[in-house]
Amino acid sequence: MFDVLPGAGLVLPHRAGVLRFGMSEQESQWAVSTLADVRETWICQTGWAFTARYEGLELLAYGDTRDRLGGTDRDRHGLAAVHLCRYEAIPTEPSVVPVVLHNVDLFGYPAAEVLAALEPGPHVGVSLPPDQAPGSYLAEVRLSTIQSPSAV
C-alpha cells in the first residue's frame, strides 16, 4: 500500500521507506529501488527525475526544481514532486495496490465515490484529475511541495 502524506510525501509499500519532500536524489532512488527498478528520465526545469513501475502503477519522482512564480527565479532543492499513475488511460477496475489518502483508497473505488469521500478539501499538495468518465477509476494522483490550483 502507498500512503499519501499531504505536504510531506509518500509512504512506500513493504516498509521500503518514505519519499519525503526535500530528500536528495540518491535517498529517493534508494528508497524506491527496494521495490522496483529505477530508470532515470528527464523533465524540463528539474535537476533530476526518475521513474519506477510497481504492480500496475508507475511512479515518477523529481527534484531540484526551478520555481518561476511571481517573476523571480528560485531553486527548490531535493524531492519536489511524486506522481503515481496507472498504466491504463481510463481504468475500469480497482488497482491491485491501494493508494491511500486519509483512509480512502484513491484507486480502489470509482472516481465519483473517491472524490465525494475526500470532501471537504483541499488536501495540501495533492491533486487528482478533475474530469472522469462515468464509472471509471482515478488514473493518477500528484503530490508536490506546492498546492496547485487543481488540488483536491
Protein backbone atom coordinates (compact mmCIF):
# COMPACT_ATOMS: atom_id res chain seq x y z
CA MET A 1 0.00 0.00 0.00
CA PHE A 2 1.15 3.52 -0.82
CA ASP A 3 0.09 6.05 1.82
CA VAL A 4 -0.17 9.70 0.73
CA LEU A 5 1.16 12.19 3.29
CA PRO A 6 -0.21 15.59 2.18
CA GLY A 7 2.51 18.21 2.16
CA ALA A 8 5.11 15.67 3.31
CA GLY A 9 5.49 12.85 0.77
CA LEU A 10 4.56 9.22 0.19
CA VAL A 11 4.94 6.07 2.31
CA LEU A 12 6.11 3.21 0.10
CA PRO A 13 4.78 -0.38 0.35
CA HIS A 14 6.53 -3.24 2.14
CA ARG A 15 8.39 -0.99 4.60
CA ALA A 16 10.50 0.39 1.76
CA GLY A 17 10.52 3.76 3.48
CA VAL A 18 9.09 7.19 2.89
CA LEU A 19 9.68 9.54 -0.01
CA ARG A 20 9.81 12.85 1.87
CA PHE A 21 9.86 16.16 0.10
CA GLY A 22 13.35 17.62 0.27
CA MET A 23 15.14 14.24 0.09
CA SER A 24 18.15 14.06 -2.19
CA GLU A 25 18.07 12.21 -5.50
CA GLN A 26 20.20 9.42 -4.05
CA GLU A 27 17.96 8.99 -0.97
CA SER A 28 14.83 9.00 -3.13
CA GLN A 29 16.18 6.48 -5.62
CA TRP A 30 17.47 4.24 -2.85
CA ALA A 31 14.05 4.01 -1.19
CA VAL A 32 12.22 3.27 -4.46
CA SER A 33 14.87 0.80 -5.66
CA THR A 34 13.90 -1.57 -2.84
CA LEU A 35 10.55 -2.02 -4.66
CA ALA A 36 11.34 -1.72 -8.35
CA ASP A 37 13.95 -0.90 -10.96
CA VAL A 38 14.62 2.83 -11.08
CA ARG A 39 15.02 4.44 -14.51
CA GLU A 40 16.34 7.95 -14.91
CA THR A 41 14.27 10.30 -17.06
CA TRP A 42 14.16 13.98 -17.94
CA ILE A 43 11.68 16.71 -17.04
CA CYS A 44 12.09 20.36 -18.01
CA GLN A 45 13.04 22.72 -15.14
CA THR A 46 14.25 19.91 -12.86
CA GLY A 47 17.71 18.82 -11.81
CA TRP A 48 16.82 15.14 -11.74
CA ALA A 49 13.92 12.76 -12.35
CA PHE A 50 13.30 9.02 -12.31
CA THR A 51 10.50 6.52 -12.83
CA ALA A 52 9.75 3.05 -11.50
CA ARG A 53 6.96 0.56 -12.20
CA TYR A 54 5.33 -1.44 -9.44
CA GLU A 55 2.27 -3.73 -9.65
CA GLY A 56 0.43 -1.81 -12.41
CA LEU A 57 1.49 1.64 -11.22
CA GLU A 58 4.17 3.97 -12.49
CA LEU A 59 5.89 6.26 -10.02
CA LEU A 60 7.55 9.43 -11.26
CA ALA A 61 9.67 11.44 -8.84
CA TYR A 62 11.65 14.59 -9.50
CA GLY A 63 13.54 17.28 -7.66
CA ASP A 64 15.91 20.23 -7.63
CA THR A 65 13.30 22.28 -9.45
CA ARG A 66 13.29 25.83 -10.70
CA ASP A 67 10.34 27.91 -9.47
CA ARG A 68 9.40 30.75 -11.80
CA LEU A 69 6.35 32.05 -9.93
CA GLY A 70 5.96 35.79 -9.48
CA GLY A 71 8.68 36.64 -11.97
CA THR A 72 11.53 35.56 -9.70
CA ASP A 73 13.71 32.52 -10.20
CA ARG A 74 14.14 30.38 -7.12
CA ASP A 75 15.67 26.95 -6.75
CA ARG A 76 13.95 24.25 -4.68
CA HIS A 77 16.39 21.61 -3.55
CA GLY A 78 15.53 17.97 -3.06
CA LEU A 79 12.46 15.93 -3.92
CA ALA A 80 9.73 18.30 -5.13
CA ALA A 81 7.02 16.04 -6.57
CA VAL A 82 5.80 12.46 -6.89
CA HIS A 83 3.20 11.25 -9.40
CA LEU A 84 1.56 7.83 -9.24
CA CYS A 85 -0.19 6.80 -12.46
CA ARG A 86 -1.99 3.67 -13.55
CA TYR A 87 -0.96 2.07 -16.83
CA GLU A 88 -4.45 2.28 -18.36
CA ALA A 89 -5.59 5.70 -19.59
CA ILE A 90 -9.14 5.15 -18.29
CA PRO A 91 -9.13 2.43 -15.62
CA THR A 92 -12.36 0.46 -15.20
CA GLU A 93 -11.46 -1.61 -12.14
CA PRO A 94 -9.59 -1.18 -8.84
CA SER A 95 -5.82 -1.07 -8.71
CA VAL A 96 -4.01 -4.13 -7.36
CA VAL A 97 -2.09 -1.90 -4.94
CA PRO A 98 -4.00 0.54 -2.73
CA VAL A 99 -3.01 4.21 -2.83
CA VAL A 100 -4.49 5.72 0.33
CA LEU A 101 -5.24 9.31 1.34
CA HIS A 102 -6.99 9.82 4.70
CA ASN A 103 -8.13 6.17 4.78
CA VAL A 104 -9.62 6.39 1.27
CA ASP A 105 -8.18 4.10 -1.42
CA LEU A 106 -7.83 6.53 -4.33
CA PHE A 107 -7.55 3.78 -6.94
CA GLY A 108 -9.85 1.25 -5.26
CA TYR A 109 -13.27 2.76 -5.94
CA PRO A 110 -14.96 4.63 -8.79
CA ALA A 111 -13.71 8.22 -9.08
CA ALA A 112 -17.02 9.82 -8.11
CA GLU A 113 -17.11 7.86 -4.83
CA VAL A 114 -13.48 8.71 -4.04
CA LEU A 115 -13.93 12.41 -4.70
CA ALA A 116 -17.12 12.51 -2.60
CA ALA A 117 -15.38 10.70 0.29
CA LEU A 118 -12.47 13.17 0.26
CA GLU A 119 -14.61 16.27 0.60
CA PRO A 120 -14.15 18.74 2.06
CA GLY A 121 -10.73 19.54 0.62
CA PRO A 122 -8.28 20.87 -0.17
CA HIS A 123 -5.51 18.47 0.76
CA VAL A 124 -2.27 20.43 0.64
CA GLY A 125 -0.09 19.48 -2.31
CA VAL A 126 -2.39 16.69 -3.55
CA SER A 127 -4.05 16.94 -6.94
CA LEU A 128 -6.29 14.49 -8.75
CA PRO A 129 -7.56 14.67 -12.34
CA PRO A 130 -10.74 16.78 -12.41
CA ASP A 131 -12.79 15.08 -15.16
CA GLN A 132 -13.51 11.37 -15.09
CA ALA A 133 -15.54 9.15 -17.41
CA PRO A 134 -18.67 7.85 -15.64
CA GLY A 135 -17.92 4.70 -13.68
CA SER A 136 -14.17 4.99 -14.20
CA TYR A 137 -11.49 4.87 -11.55
CA LEU A 138 -8.86 7.52 -10.90
CA ALA A 139 -5.81 7.12 -13.11
CA GLU A 140 -3.34 9.30 -11.21
CA VAL A 141 -2.50 11.28 -8.12
CA ARG A 142 0.10 14.04 -7.99
CA LEU A 143 1.90 15.09 -4.84
CA SER A 144 4.01 18.20 -4.59
CA THR A 145 5.50 20.67 -2.18
CA ILE A 146 3.27 23.39 -3.64
CA GLN A 147 -0.52 23.32 -3.66
CA SER A 148 -1.71 23.50 -7.25
CA PRO A 149 -4.91 25.28 -8.32
CA SER A 150 -6.48 21.91 -9.22
CA ALA A 151 -5.73 20.34 -5.83
CA VAL A 152 -8.48 18.22 -4.26
